[in-house]
PDB file of N, CA and C in Angstrom:
ATOM      1  N   MET A   1       0.827  -1.191   0.000  1.00  0.00           N
ATOM      2  CA  MET A   1       0.000   0.000   0.000  1.00  0.00           C
ATOM      3  C   MET A   1       0.877   1.264   0.000  1.00  0.00           C
ATOM      4  N   ILE A   2       1.859   1.313   0.891  1.00  0.00           N
ATOM      5  CA  ILE A   2       2.720   2.489   0.958  1.00  0.00           C
ATOM      6  C   ILE A   2       3.584   2.588  -0.297  1.00  0.00           C
ATOM      7  N   ARG A   3       4.088   1.453  -0.752  1.00  0.00           N
ATOM      8  CA  ARG A   3       4.932   1.454  -1.952  1.00  0.00           C
ATOM      9  C   ARG A   3       4.152   1.960  -3.159  1.00  0.00           C
ATOM     10  N   ASN A   4       2.899   1.543  -3.294  1.00  0.00           N
ATOM     11  CA  ASN A   4       2.079   2.011  -4.413  1.00  0.00           C
ATOM     12  C   ASN A   4       1.874   3.516  -4.337  1.00  0.00           C
ATOM     13  N   THR A   5       1.658   4.020  -3.134  1.00  0.00           N
ATOM     14  CA  THR A   5       1.462   5.460  -2.966  1.00  0.00           C
ATOM     15  C   THR A   5       2.735   6.221  -3.297  1.00  0.00           C
ATOM     16  N   VAL A   6       3.857   5.722  -2.816  1.00  0.00           N
ATOM     17  CA  VAL A   6       5.132   6.394  -3.062  1.00  0.00           C
ATOM     18  C   VAL A   6       5.480   6.356  -4.547  1.00  0.00           C
ATOM     19  N   GLU A   7       5.279   5.221  -5.181  1.00  0.00           N
ATOM     20  CA  GLU A   7       5.634   5.097  -6.591  1.00  0.00           C
ATOM     21  C   GLU A   7       4.714   5.908  -7.500  1.00  0.00           C
ATOM     22  N   SER A   8       3.482   6.104  -7.073  1.00  0.00           N
ATOM     23  CA  SER A   8       2.551   6.848  -7.918  1.00  0.00           C
ATOM     24  C   SER A   8       2.648   8.360  -7.703  1.00  0.00           C
ATOM     25  N   TRP A   9       3.431   8.783  -6.709  1.00  0.00           N
ATOM     26  CA  TRP A   9       3.547  10.219  -6.429  1.00  0.00           C
ATOM     27  C   TRP A   9       4.415  10.893  -7.470  1.00  0.00           C
ATOM     28  N   THR A  10       3.938  12.016  -7.967  1.00  0.00           N
ATOM     29  CA  THR A  10       4.734  12.825  -8.889  1.00  0.00           C
ATOM     30  C   THR A  10       4.778  14.243  -8.335  1.00  0.00           C
ATOM     31  N   PRO A  11       5.946  14.839  -8.317  1.00  0.00           N
ATOM     32  CA  PRO A  11       6.042  16.189  -7.758  1.00  0.00           C
ATOM     33  C   PRO A  11       5.362  17.218  -8.653  1.00  0.00           C
ATOM     34  N   ARG A  12       4.791  18.203  -8.008  1.00  0.00           N
ATOM     35  CA  ARG A  12       4.196  19.305  -8.757  1.00  0.00           C
ATOM     36  C   ARG A  12       5.277  20.340  -9.034  1.00  0.00           C
ATOM     37  N   ARG A  13       4.941  21.270  -9.874  1.00  0.00           N
ATOM     38  CA  ARG A  13       5.914  22.318 -10.208  1.00  0.00           C
ATOM     39  C   ARG A  13       5.902  23.368  -9.105  1.00  0.00           C
ATOM     40  N   GLY A  14       7.014  23.487  -8.394  1.00  0.00           N
ATOM     41  CA  GLY A  14       7.163  24.500  -7.351  1.00  0.00           C
ATOM     42  C   GLY A  14       6.506  24.072  -6.041  1.00  0.00           C
ATOM     43  N   PRO A  15       6.876  24.741  -4.969  1.00  0.00           N
ATOM     44  CA  PRO A  15       6.318  24.400  -3.666  1.00  0.00           C
ATOM     45  C   PRO A  15       4.883  24.900  -3.517  1.00  0.00           C
ATOM     46  N   ASN A  16       4.125  24.184  -2.753  1.00  0.00           N
ATOM     47  CA  ASN A  16       2.740  24.561  -2.469  1.00  0.00           C
ATOM     48  C   ASN A  16       2.716  25.193  -1.078  1.00  0.00           C
ATOM     49  N   TRP A  17       3.080  26.470  -0.990  1.00  0.00           N
ATOM     50  CA  TRP A  17       3.250  27.120   0.314  1.00  0.00           C
ATOM     51  C   TRP A  17       1.949  27.225   1.086  1.00  0.00           C
ATOM     52  N   SER A  18       0.842  27.451   0.417  1.00  0.00           N
ATOM     53  CA  SER A  18      -0.419  27.574   1.148  1.00  0.00           C
ATOM     54  C   SER A  18      -0.767  26.256   1.830  1.00  0.00           C
ATOM     55  N   ASP A  19      -0.535  25.146   1.157  1.00  0.00           N
ATOM     56  CA  ASP A  19      -0.813  23.841   1.759  1.00  0.00           C
ATOM     57  C   ASP A  19       0.136  23.571   2.924  1.00  0.00           C
ATOM     58  N   VAL A  20       1.399  23.947   2.781  1.00  0.00           N
ATOM     59  CA  VAL A  20       2.374  23.741   3.858  1.00  0.00           C
ATOM     60  C   VAL A  20       1.990  24.556   5.081  1.00  0.00           C
ATOM     61  N   LEU A  21       1.613  25.817   4.889  1.00  0.00           N
ATOM     62  CA  LEU A  21       1.238  26.670   6.013  1.00  0.00           C
ATOM     63  C   LEU A  21      -0.018  26.172   6.713  1.00  0.00           C
ATOM     64  N   VAL A  22      -0.961  25.678   5.947  1.00  0.00           N
ATOM     65  CA  VAL A  22      -2.189  25.148   6.541  1.00  0.00           C
ATOM     66  C   VAL A  22      -1.878  23.906   7.378  1.00  0.00           C
ATOM     67  N   ARG A  23      -1.016  23.029   6.856  1.00  0.00           N
ATOM     68  CA  ARG A  23      -0.659  21.824   7.602  1.00  0.00           C
ATOM     69  C   ARG A  23       0.125  22.160   8.865  1.00  0.00           C
ATOM     70  N   LEU A  24       1.044  23.126   8.788  1.00  0.00           N
ATOM     71  CA  LEU A  24       1.806  23.527   9.969  1.00  0.00           C
ATOM     72  C   LEU A  24       0.915  24.161  11.025  1.00  0.00           C
ATOM     73  N   ALA A  25      -0.027  24.986  10.605  1.00  0.00           N
ATOM     74  CA  ALA A  25      -0.925  25.634  11.558  1.00  0.00           C
ATOM     75  C   ALA A  25      -1.827  24.616  12.238  1.00  0.00           C
ATOM     76  N   GLY A  26      -2.230  23.597  11.515  1.00  0.00           N
ATOM     77  CA  GLY A  26      -3.116  22.591  12.088  1.00  0.00           C
ATOM     78  C   GLY A  26      -2.404  21.594  12.979  1.00  0.00           C
ATOM     79  N   SER A  27      -1.096  21.406  12.796  1.00  0.00           N
ATOM     80  CA  SER A  27      -0.393  20.369  13.540  1.00  0.00           C
ATOM     81  C   SER A  27       0.288  20.892  14.795  1.00  0.00           C
ATOM     82  N   GLY A  28       0.510  22.178  14.900  1.00  0.00           N
ATOM     83  CA  GLY A  28       1.230  22.737  16.038  1.00  0.00           C
ATOM     84  C   GLY A  28       0.341  22.950  17.252  1.00  0.00           C
ATOM     85  N   PRO A  29       0.960  23.409  18.361  1.00  0.00           N
ATOM     86  CA  PRO A  29       0.170  23.693  19.558  1.00  0.00           C
ATOM     87  C   PRO A  29      -0.668  24.953  19.363  1.00  0.00           C
ATOM     88  N   PRO A  30      -1.693  25.127  20.177  1.00  0.00           N
ATOM     89  CA  PRO A  30      -2.499  26.348  20.059  1.00  0.00           C
ATOM     90  C   PRO A  30      -1.654  27.584  20.393  1.00  0.00           C
ATOM     91  N   ALA A  31      -2.026  28.707  19.806  1.00  0.00           N
ATOM     92  CA  ALA A  31      -1.250  29.936  19.975  1.00  0.00           C
ATOM     93  C   ALA A  31      -1.198  30.370  21.436  1.00  0.00           C
ATOM     94  N   TRP A  32      -2.312  30.247  22.161  1.00  0.00           N
ATOM     95  CA  TRP A  32      -2.323  30.701  23.557  1.00  0.00           C
ATOM     96  C   TRP A  32      -1.348  29.891  24.399  1.00  0.00           C
ATOM     97  N   LEU A  33      -1.202  28.605  24.113  1.00  0.00           N
ATOM     98  CA  LEU A  33      -0.263  27.769  24.854  1.00  0.00           C
ATOM     99  C   LEU A  33       1.177  28.149  24.531  1.00  0.00           C
ATOM    100  N   LEU A  34       1.447  28.435  23.285  1.00  0.00           N
ATOM    101  CA  LEU A  34       2.786  28.838  22.869  1.00  0.00           C
ATOM    102  C   LEU A  34       3.177  30.166  23.509  1.00  0.00           C
ATOM    103  N   TYR A  35       2.274  31.137  23.494  1.00  0.00           N
ATOM    104  CA  TYR A  35       2.571  32.443  24.081  1.00  0.00           C
ATOM    105  C   TYR A  35       2.704  32.355  25.599  1.00  0.00           C
ATOM    106  N   THR A  36       1.903  31.531  26.237  1.00  0.00           N
ATOM    107  CA  THR A  36       2.000  31.367  27.684  1.00  0.00           C
ATOM    108  C   THR A  36       3.337  30.732  28.067  1.00  0.00           C
ATOM    109  N   ALA A  37       3.738  29.713  27.350  1.00  0.00           N
ATOM    110  CA  ALA A  37       5.015  29.055  27.638  1.00  0.00           C
ATOM    111  C   ALA A  37       6.186  29.997  27.384  1.00  0.00           C
ATOM    112  N   ALA A  38       6.120  30.773  26.307  1.00  0.00           N
ATOM    113  CA  ALA A  38       7.196  31.720  26.007  1.00  0.00           C
ATOM    114  C   ALA A  38       7.274  32.813  27.066  1.00  0.00           C
ATOM    115  N   SER A  39       6.135  33.289  27.537  1.00  0.00           N
ATOM    116  CA  SER A  39       6.121  34.312  28.589  1.00  0.00           C
ATOM    117  C   SER A  39       6.680  33.767  29.888  1.00  0.00           C
ATOM    118  N   ALA A  40       6.315  32.554  30.244  1.00  0.00           N
ATOM    119  CA  ALA A  40       6.828  31.944  31.472  1.00  0.00           C
ATOM    120  C   ALA A  40       8.339  31.737  31.370  1.00  0.00           C
ATOM    121  N   ALA A  41       8.823  31.313  30.221  1.00  0.00           N
ATOM    122  CA  ALA A  41      10.258  31.132  30.038  1.00  0.00           C
ATOM    123  C   ALA A  41      10.996  32.462  30.141  1.00  0.00           C
ATOM    124  N   LEU A  42      10.420  33.517  29.601  1.00  0.00           N
ATOM    125  CA  LEU A  42      11.039  34.839  29.691  1.00  0.00           C
ATOM    126  C   LEU A  42      11.114  35.324  31.135  1.00  0.00           C
ATOM    127  N   VAL A  43      10.056  35.113  31.900  1.00  0.00           N
ATOM    128  CA  VAL A  43      10.054  35.502  33.314  1.00  0.00           C
ATOM    129  C   VAL A  43      11.129  34.735  34.072  1.00  0.00           C
ATOM    130  N   VAL A  44      11.237  33.443  33.818  1.00  0.00           N
ATOM    131  CA  VAL A  44      12.256  32.633  34.503  1.00  0.00           C
ATOM    132  C   VAL A  44      13.659  33.117  34.140  1.00  0.00           C
ATOM    133  N   ILE A  45      13.900  33.415  32.877  1.00  0.00           N
ATOM    134  CA  ILE A  45      15.217  33.883  32.437  1.00  0.00           C
ATOM    135  C   ILE A  45      15.552  35.222  33.085  1.00  0.00           C
ATOM    136  N   LEU A  46      14.613  36.147  33.093  1.00  0.00           N
ATOM    137  CA  LEU A  46      14.867  37.459  33.692  1.00  0.00           C
ATOM    138  C   LEU A  46      15.084  37.368  35.194  1.00  0.00           C
ATOM    139  N   LEU A  47      14.303  36.552  35.871  1.00  0.00           N
ATOM    140  CA  LEU A  47      14.466  36.380  37.314  1.00  0.00           C
ATOM    141  C   LEU A  47      15.814  35.741  37.633  1.00  0.00           C
ATOM    142  N   ALA A  48      16.207  34.742  36.862  1.00  0.00           N
ATOM    143  CA  ALA A  48      17.506  34.101  37.076  1.00  0.00           C
ATOM    144  C   ALA A  48      18.637  35.092  36.807  1.00  0.00           C
ATOM    145  N   ALA A  49      18.521  35.900  35.774  1.00  0.00           N
ATOM    146  CA  ALA A  49      19.560  36.894  35.481  1.00  0.00           C
ATOM    147  C   ALA A  49      19.656  37.920  36.601  1.00  0.00           C
ATOM    148  N   PHE A  50      18.529  38.340  37.146  1.00  0.00           N
ATOM    149  CA  PHE A  50      18.538  39.299  38.251  1.00  0.00           C
ATOM    150  C   PHE A  50      19.194  38.697  39.491  1.00  0.00           C
ATOM    151  N   LEU A  51      18.826  37.471  39.828  1.00  0.00           N
ATOM    152  CA  LEU A  51      19.385  36.837  41.018  1.00  0.00           C
ATOM    153  C   LEU A  51      20.880  36.562  40.866  1.00  0.00           C
ATOM    154  N   ILE A  52      21.290  36.093  39.706  1.00  0.00           N
ATOM    155  CA  ILE A  52      22.716  35.827  39.473  1.00  0.00           C
ATOM    156  C   ILE A  52      23.495  37.135  39.463  1.00  0.00           C
ATOM    157  N   GLY A  53      22.949  38.156  38.831  1.00  0.00           N
ATOM    158  CA  GLY A  53      23.613  39.453  38.809  1.00  0.00           C
ATOM    159  C   GLY A  53      23.730  40.058  40.200  1.00  0.00           C
ATOM    160  N   SER A  54      22.719  39.882  41.014  1.00  0.00           N
ATOM    161  CA  SER A  54      22.780  40.386  42.391  1.00  0.00           C
ATOM    162  C   SER A  54      23.812  39.616  43.202  1.00  0.00           C
ATOM    163  N   ALA A  55      23.849  38.317  43.044  1.00  0.00           N
ATOM    164  CA  ALA A  55      24.787  37.498  43.810  1.00  0.00           C
ATOM    165  C   ALA A  55      26.232  37.787  43.416  1.00  0.00           C
ATOM    166  N   LEU A  56      26.467  38.049  42.147  1.00  0.00           N
ATOM    167  CA  LEU A  56      27.825  38.328  41.677  1.00  0.00           C
ATOM    168  C   LEU A  56      28.172  39.812  41.723  1.00  0.00           C
ATOM    169  N   GLN A  57      27.239  40.629  42.175  1.00  0.00           N
ATOM    170  CA  GLN A  57      27.411  42.081  42.275  1.00  0.00           C
ATOM    171  C   GLN A  57      27.843  42.681  40.940  1.00  0.00           C
ATOM    172  N   ILE A  58      27.073  42.367  39.922  1.00  0.00           N
ATOM    173  CA  ILE A  58      27.368  42.837  38.567  1.00  0.00           C
ATOM    174  C   ILE A  58      26.546  44.091  38.286  1.00  0.00           C
ATOM    175  N   GLY A  59      27.190  45.105  37.768  1.00  0.00           N
ATOM    176  CA  GLY A  59      26.504  46.299  37.293  1.00  0.00           C
ATOM    177  C   GLY A  59      25.815  47.074  38.394  1.00  0.00           C
ATOM    178  N   ALA A  60      24.666  47.636  38.080  1.00  0.00           N
ATOM    179  CA  ALA A  60      23.940  48.480  39.020  1.00  0.00           C
ATOM    180  C   ALA A  60      23.318  47.672  40.148  1.00  0.00           C
ATOM    181  N   LEU A  61      23.337  46.363  40.041  1.00  0.00           N
ATOM    182  CA  LEU A  61      22.764  45.538  41.105  1.00  0.00           C
ATOM    183  C   LEU A  61      23.717  45.388  42.282  1.00  0.00           C
ATOM    184  N   GLY A  62      24.988  45.664  42.067  1.00  0.00           N
ATOM    185  CA  GLY A  62      25.982  45.533  43.127  1.00  0.00           C
ATOM    186  C   GLY A  62      25.966  46.733  44.055  1.00  0.00           C
ATOM    187  N   PRO A  63      26.637  46.615  45.195  1.00  0.00           N
ATOM    188  CA  PRO A  63      26.689  47.741  46.124  1.00  0.00           C
ATOM    189  C   PRO A  63      27.498  48.893  45.537  1.00  0.00           C
ATOM    190  N   GLN A  64      27.037  50.101  45.790  1.00  0.00           N
ATOM    191  CA  GLN A  64      27.700  51.285  45.267  1.00  0.00           C
ATOM    192  C   GLN A  64      28.789  51.747  46.241  1.00  0.00           C
ATOM    193  N   PRO A  65      29.890  52.258  45.717  1.00  0.00           N
ATOM    194  CA  PRO A  65      30.945  52.737  46.612  1.00  0.00           C
ATOM    195  C   PRO A  65      30.482  53.981  47.376  1.00  0.00           C
ATOM    196  N   VAL A  66      30.884  54.054  48.626  1.00  0.00           N
ATOM    197  CA  VAL A  66      30.540  55.194  49.474  1.00  0.00           C
ATOM    198  C   VAL A  66      31.754  56.115  49.519  1.00  0.00           C
ATOM    199  N   PRO A  67      31.564  57.385  49.190  1.00  0.00           N
ATOM    200  CA  PRO A  67      32.699  58.311  49.253  1.00  0.00           C
ATOM    201  C   PRO A  67      33.225  58.411  50.690  1.00  0.00           C
ATOM    202  N   SER A  68      34.532  58.290  50.861  1.00  0.00           N
ATOM    203  CA  SER A  68      35.095  58.300  52.207  1.00  0.00           C
ATOM    204  C   SER A  68      35.533  59.693  52.646  1.00  0.00           C
ATOM    205  N   ASN A  69      35.368  60.696  51.770  1.00  0.00           N
ATOM    206  CA  ASN A  69      35.815  62.024  52.131  1.00  0.00           C
ATOM    207  C   ASN A  69      34.672  62.914  52.626  1.00  0.00           C
ATOM    208  N   LEU A  70      33.617  62.335  53.124  1.00  0.00           N
ATOM    209  CA  LEU A  70      32.500  63.127  53.677  1.00  0.00           C
ATOM    210  C   LEU A  70      32.883  63.600  55.078  1.00  0.00           C
ATOM    211  N   HIS A  71      32.704  64.889  55.364  1.00  0.00           N
ATOM    212  CA  HIS A  71      33.032  65.438  56.686  1.00  0.00           C
ATOM    213  C   HIS A  71      31.824  66.078  57.289  1.00  0.00           C
TER     214      HIS A  71
END
């Protein structure tokens, strides 16, 4: 059955982009799930960067020097 289908297939001229886009849209996860997962990943990345930057005293997150010449 599969061999007959494969052997009888003939390529069309050029790609069928509309068919490809329709198949990709139908097979992927729903948009709300994708956006929710991406937002959660972004929050985790930003929180981890803030915590690591604070722990390593990088940039403006680190303690600021205190001028010692105050009288």
